[in-house]
C-alpha atoms as a PDB file:
ATOM      1  CA  UNK A   1      -5.789  -3.049  10.788  1.00  0.00           C
ATOM      2  CA  UNK A   2      -8.982  -2.008  12.733  1.00  0.00           C
ATOM      3  CA  UNK A   3      -6.468  -1.318  15.476  1.00  0.00           C
ATOM      4  CA  UNK A   4      -4.099   0.905  12.695  1.00  0.00           C
ATOM      5  CA  UNK A   5      -7.144   2.939  12.618  1.00  0.00           C
ATOM      6  CA  UNK A   6      -8.704   1.159   8.922  1.00  0.00           C
ATOM      7  CA  UNK A   7     -11.780   0.186   7.749  1.00  0.00           C
ATOM      8  CA  UNK A   8     -11.546  -2.911   6.710  1.00  0.00           C
ATOM      9  CA  UNK A   9     -13.836  -4.713   3.889  1.00  0.00           C
ATOM     10  CA  UNK A  10     -13.157  -7.504   1.818  1.00  0.00           C
ATOM     11  CA  UNK A  11     -12.710  -6.630  -1.799  1.00  0.00           C
ATOM     12  CA  UNK A  12     -15.090  -8.758  -3.888  1.00  0.00           C
ATOM     13  CA  UNK A  13     -15.238 -10.981  -6.091  1.00  0.00           C
ATOM     14  CA  UNK A  14     -11.442 -11.198  -5.595  1.00  0.00           C
ATOM     15  CA  UNK A  15     -10.322 -13.507  -3.038  1.00  0.00           C
ATOM     16  CA  UNK A  16      -7.875 -12.436  -0.091  1.00  0.00           C
ATOM     17  CA  UNK A  17      -7.987  -8.947  -1.623  1.00  0.00           C
ATOM     18  CA  UNK A  18      -9.024  -6.041   0.965  1.00  0.00           C
ATOM     19  CA  UNK A  19      -9.872  -2.732   0.347  1.00  0.00           C
ATOM     20  CA  UNK A  20      -8.362  -0.465   3.699  1.00  0.00           C
ATOM     21  CA  UNK A  21     -10.140   3.051   4.529  1.00  0.00           C
ATOM     22  CA  UNK A  22      -8.484   5.482   6.540  1.00  0.00           C
ATOM     23  CA  UNK A  23     -10.294   8.775   7.671  1.00  0.00           C
ATOM     24  CA  UNK A  24      -7.952  12.210   8.659  1.00  0.00           C
ATOM     25  CA  UNK A  25      -9.525  15.390   8.687  1.00  0.00           C
ATOM     26  CA  UNK A  26     -11.588  15.998   5.471  1.00  0.00           C
ATOM     27  CA  UNK A  27      -9.529  13.467   3.876  1.00  0.00           C
ATOM     28  CA  UNK A  28     -10.371   9.611   3.015  1.00  0.00           C
ATOM     29  CA  UNK A  29      -7.351   7.634   2.242  1.00  0.00           C
ATOM     30  CA  UNK A  30      -8.039   3.875   0.593  1.00  0.00           C
ATOM     31  CA  UNK A  31      -5.469   1.478  -0.015  1.00  0.00           C
ATOM     32  CA  UNK A  32      -6.405  -1.801  -1.905  1.00  0.00           C
ATOM     33  CA  UNK A  33      -4.316  -5.013  -0.639  1.00  0.00           C
ATOM     34  CA  UNK A  34      -4.061  -8.675  -1.586  1.00  0.00           C
ATOM     35  CA  UNK A  35      -2.498 -11.295   0.020  1.00  0.00           C
ATOM     36  CA  UNK A  36      -0.401 -13.908  -1.323  1.00  0.00           C
ATOM     37  CA  UNK A  37       1.181 -12.633  -4.648  1.00  0.00           C
ATOM     38  CA  UNK A  38       2.003 -15.191  -7.578  1.00  0.00           C
ATOM     39  CA  UNK A  39       5.441 -13.120  -7.933  1.00  0.00           C
ATOM     40  CA  UNK A  40       6.472 -13.923  -4.402  1.00  0.00           C
ATOM     41  CA  UNK A  41       5.390 -10.671  -2.478  1.00  0.00           C
ATOM     42  CA  UNK A  42       3.327 -11.066   0.934  1.00  0.00           C
ATOM     43  CA  UNK A  43       1.104  -8.198   0.552  1.00  0.00           C
ATOM     44  CA  UNK A  44       0.654  -6.387  -2.798  1.00  0.00           C
ATOM     45  CA  UNK A  45      -0.974  -2.989  -2.866  1.00  0.00           C
ATOM     46  CA  UNK A  46      -2.745  -2.686  -5.873  1.00  0.00           C
ATOM     47  CA  UNK A  47      -4.238   0.510  -5.785  1.00  0.00           C
ATOM     48  CA  UNK A  48      -4.167   3.650  -3.376  1.00  0.00           C
ATOM     49  CA  UNK A  49      -6.047   6.927  -3.778  1.00  0.00           C
ATOM     50  CA  UNK A  50      -6.438  10.079  -1.268  1.00  0.00           C
ATOM     51  CA  UNK A  51      -9.876  11.982  -2.096  1.00  0.00           C
ATOM     52  CA  UNK A  52     -11.008  14.790  -2.134  1.00  0.00           C
ATOM     53  CA  UNK A  53      -8.197  15.651  -4.521  1.00  0.00           C
ATOM     54  CA  UNK A  54      -7.667  18.865  -2.348  1.00  0.00           C
ATOM     55  CA  UNK A  55      -6.092  16.678   0.084  1.00  0.00           C
ATOM     56  CA  UNK A  56      -3.403  15.263  -1.909  1.00  0.00           C
ATOM     57  CA  UNK A  57       0.090  16.103  -0.974  1.00  0.00           C
ATOM     58  CA  UNK A  58      -0.828  17.070   2.877  1.00  0.00           C
ATOM     59  CA  UNK A  59       0.698  13.655   4.220  1.00  0.00           C
ATOM     60  CA  UNK A  60      -2.257  11.442   4.816  1.00  0.00           C
ATOM     61  CA  UNK A  61      -1.438   8.676   2.068  1.00  0.00           C
ATOM     62  CA  UNK A  62       2.002   8.558   3.795  1.00  0.00           C
ATOM     63  CA  UNK A  63       0.274   8.194   7.359  1.00  0.00           C
ATOM     64  CA  UNK A  64      -1.977   5.361   6.009  1.00  0.00           C
ATOM     65  CA  UNK A  65       0.581   3.743   4.179  1.00  0.00           C
ATOM     66  CA  UNK A  66       2.590   3.761   7.390  1.00  0.00           C
ATOM     67  CA  UNK A  67      -0.154   2.193   9.380  1.00  0.00           C
ATOM     68  CA  UNK A  68       0.007  -0.445   6.674  1.00  0.00           C
ATOM     69  CA  UNK A  69       3.718  -1.105   6.876  1.00  0.00           C
ATOM     70  CA  UNK A  70       3.420  -1.263  10.951  1.00  0.00           C
ATOM     71  CA  UNK A  71       0.932  -3.730  10.537  1.00  0.00           C
ATOM     72  CA  UNK A  72       2.580  -6.127   8.062  1.00  0.00           C
ATOM     73  CA  UNK A  73       6.096  -5.664   9.857  1.00  0.00           C
ATOM     74  CA  UNK A  74       5.563  -8.494  12.085  1.00  0.00           C
ATOM     75  CA  UNK A  75       3.710 -10.749   9.420  1.00  0.00           C
ATOM     76  CA  UNK A  76       5.030 -10.214   6.533  1.00  0.00           C
ATOM     77  CA  UNK A  77       8.384  -9.920   4.698  1.00  0.00           C
ATOM     78  CA  UNK A  78       7.781  -8.395   1.148  1.00  0.00           C
ATOM     79  CA  UNK A  79       5.143  -5.827   0.421  1.00  0.00           C
ATOM     80  CA  UNK A  80       4.986  -4.943  -3.225  1.00  0.00           C
ATOM     81  CA  UNK A  81       3.364  -2.076  -4.499  1.00  0.00           C
ATOM     82  CA  UNK A  82       2.242  -2.810  -8.452  1.00  0.00           C
ATOM     83  CA  UNK A  83       1.955  -0.550 -11.402  1.00  0.00           C
ATOM     84  CA  UNK A  84       3.306   2.811  -9.595  1.00  0.00           C
ATOM     85  CA  UNK A  85       2.589   5.402 -12.279  1.00  0.00           C
ATOM     86  CA  UNK A  86       5.729   7.755 -12.822  1.00  0.00           C
ATOM     87  CA  UNK A  87       4.483  10.943 -10.942  1.00  0.00           C
ATOM     88  CA  UNK A  88       3.950   8.948  -7.908  1.00  0.00           C
ATOM     89  CA  UNK A  89       7.434   7.049  -7.533  1.00  0.00           C
ATOM     90  CA  UNK A  90       8.919   9.547  -5.159  1.00  0.00           C
ATOM     91  CA  UNK A  91       6.125   9.136  -2.864  1.00  0.00           C
ATOM     92  CA  UNK A  92       6.909   5.239  -2.792  1.00  0.00           C
ATOM     93  CA  UNK A  93      10.637   6.136  -2.305  1.00  0.00           C
ATOM     94  CA  UNK A  94       9.858   8.328   0.418  1.00  0.00           C
ATOM     95  CA  UNK A  95       8.082   5.845   2.057  1.00  0.00           C
ATOM     96  CA  UNK A  96      10.912   3.182   2.202  1.00  0.00           C
ATOM     97  CA  UNK A  97      10.153   1.397  -1.218  1.00  0.00           C
ATOM     98  CA  UNK A  98      12.714   0.560  -3.712  1.00  0.00           C
ATOM     99  CA  UNK A  99      12.169  -0.185  -7.260  1.00  0.00           C
ATOM    100  CA  UNK A 100      12.117  -3.618  -8.512  1.00  0.00           C
ATOM    101  CA  UNK A 101      15.083  -4.614 -10.642  1.00  0.00           C
ATOM    102  CA  UNK A 102      14.655  -5.204 -14.138  1.00  0.00           C
ATOM    103  CA  UNK A 103      13.127  -6.421 -15.936  1.00  0.00           C
ATOM    104  CA  UNK A 104      10.131  -4.713 -14.105  1.00  0.00           C
ATOM    105  CA  UNK A 105       7.628  -4.088 -17.055  1.00  0.00           C
ATOM    106  CA  UNK A 106       4.827  -3.096 -14.487  1.00  0.00           C
ATOM    107  CA  UNK A 107       6.865  -0.512 -12.650  1.00  0.00           C
ATOM    108  CA  UNK A 108       6.428  -2.289  -9.224  1.00  0.00           C
ATOM    109  CA  UNK A 109       8.174  -1.291  -6.010  1.00  0.00           C
ATOM    110  CA  UNK A 110       9.549  -3.470  -2.943  1.00  0.00           C
ATOM    111  CA  UNK A 111       9.222  -2.969   0.805  1.00  0.00           C
ATOM    112  CA  UNK A 112      11.342  -5.354   3.016  1.00  0.00           C
ATOM    113  CA  UNK A 113      10.008  -5.394   6.560  1.00  0.00           C
ATOM    114  CA  UNK A 114      12.482  -7.535   9.333  1.00  0.00           C
ATOM    115  CA  UNK A 115      10.004 -10.033   9.824  1.00  0.00           C
ATOM    116  CA  UNK A 116      11.027 -13.733   9.172  1.00  0.00           C
END
């Protein structure tokens, strides 16, 4: 992920979870991912934030997410965003994710790459 512009840190104490930090102008986007989800996804996005709040809705989150998707495209098939809050559903849809089929009690969204 470093070649995609992210600082990568192991998110202790969780095994196979990482914090990716992207810096853009006056904004910092942090994406927490985990690998090998029990539900079958290859990559799970558990948290995503843009700070400061004044920099939200300026495209930095989409830019960081597209970097993650580009990285994942060659190695992973399914990327799942979990526990998506209703106000941010359009963000995930705009970035190529689709809402998982019901039952979907945690409101997860999925992105499928062309990787085999």
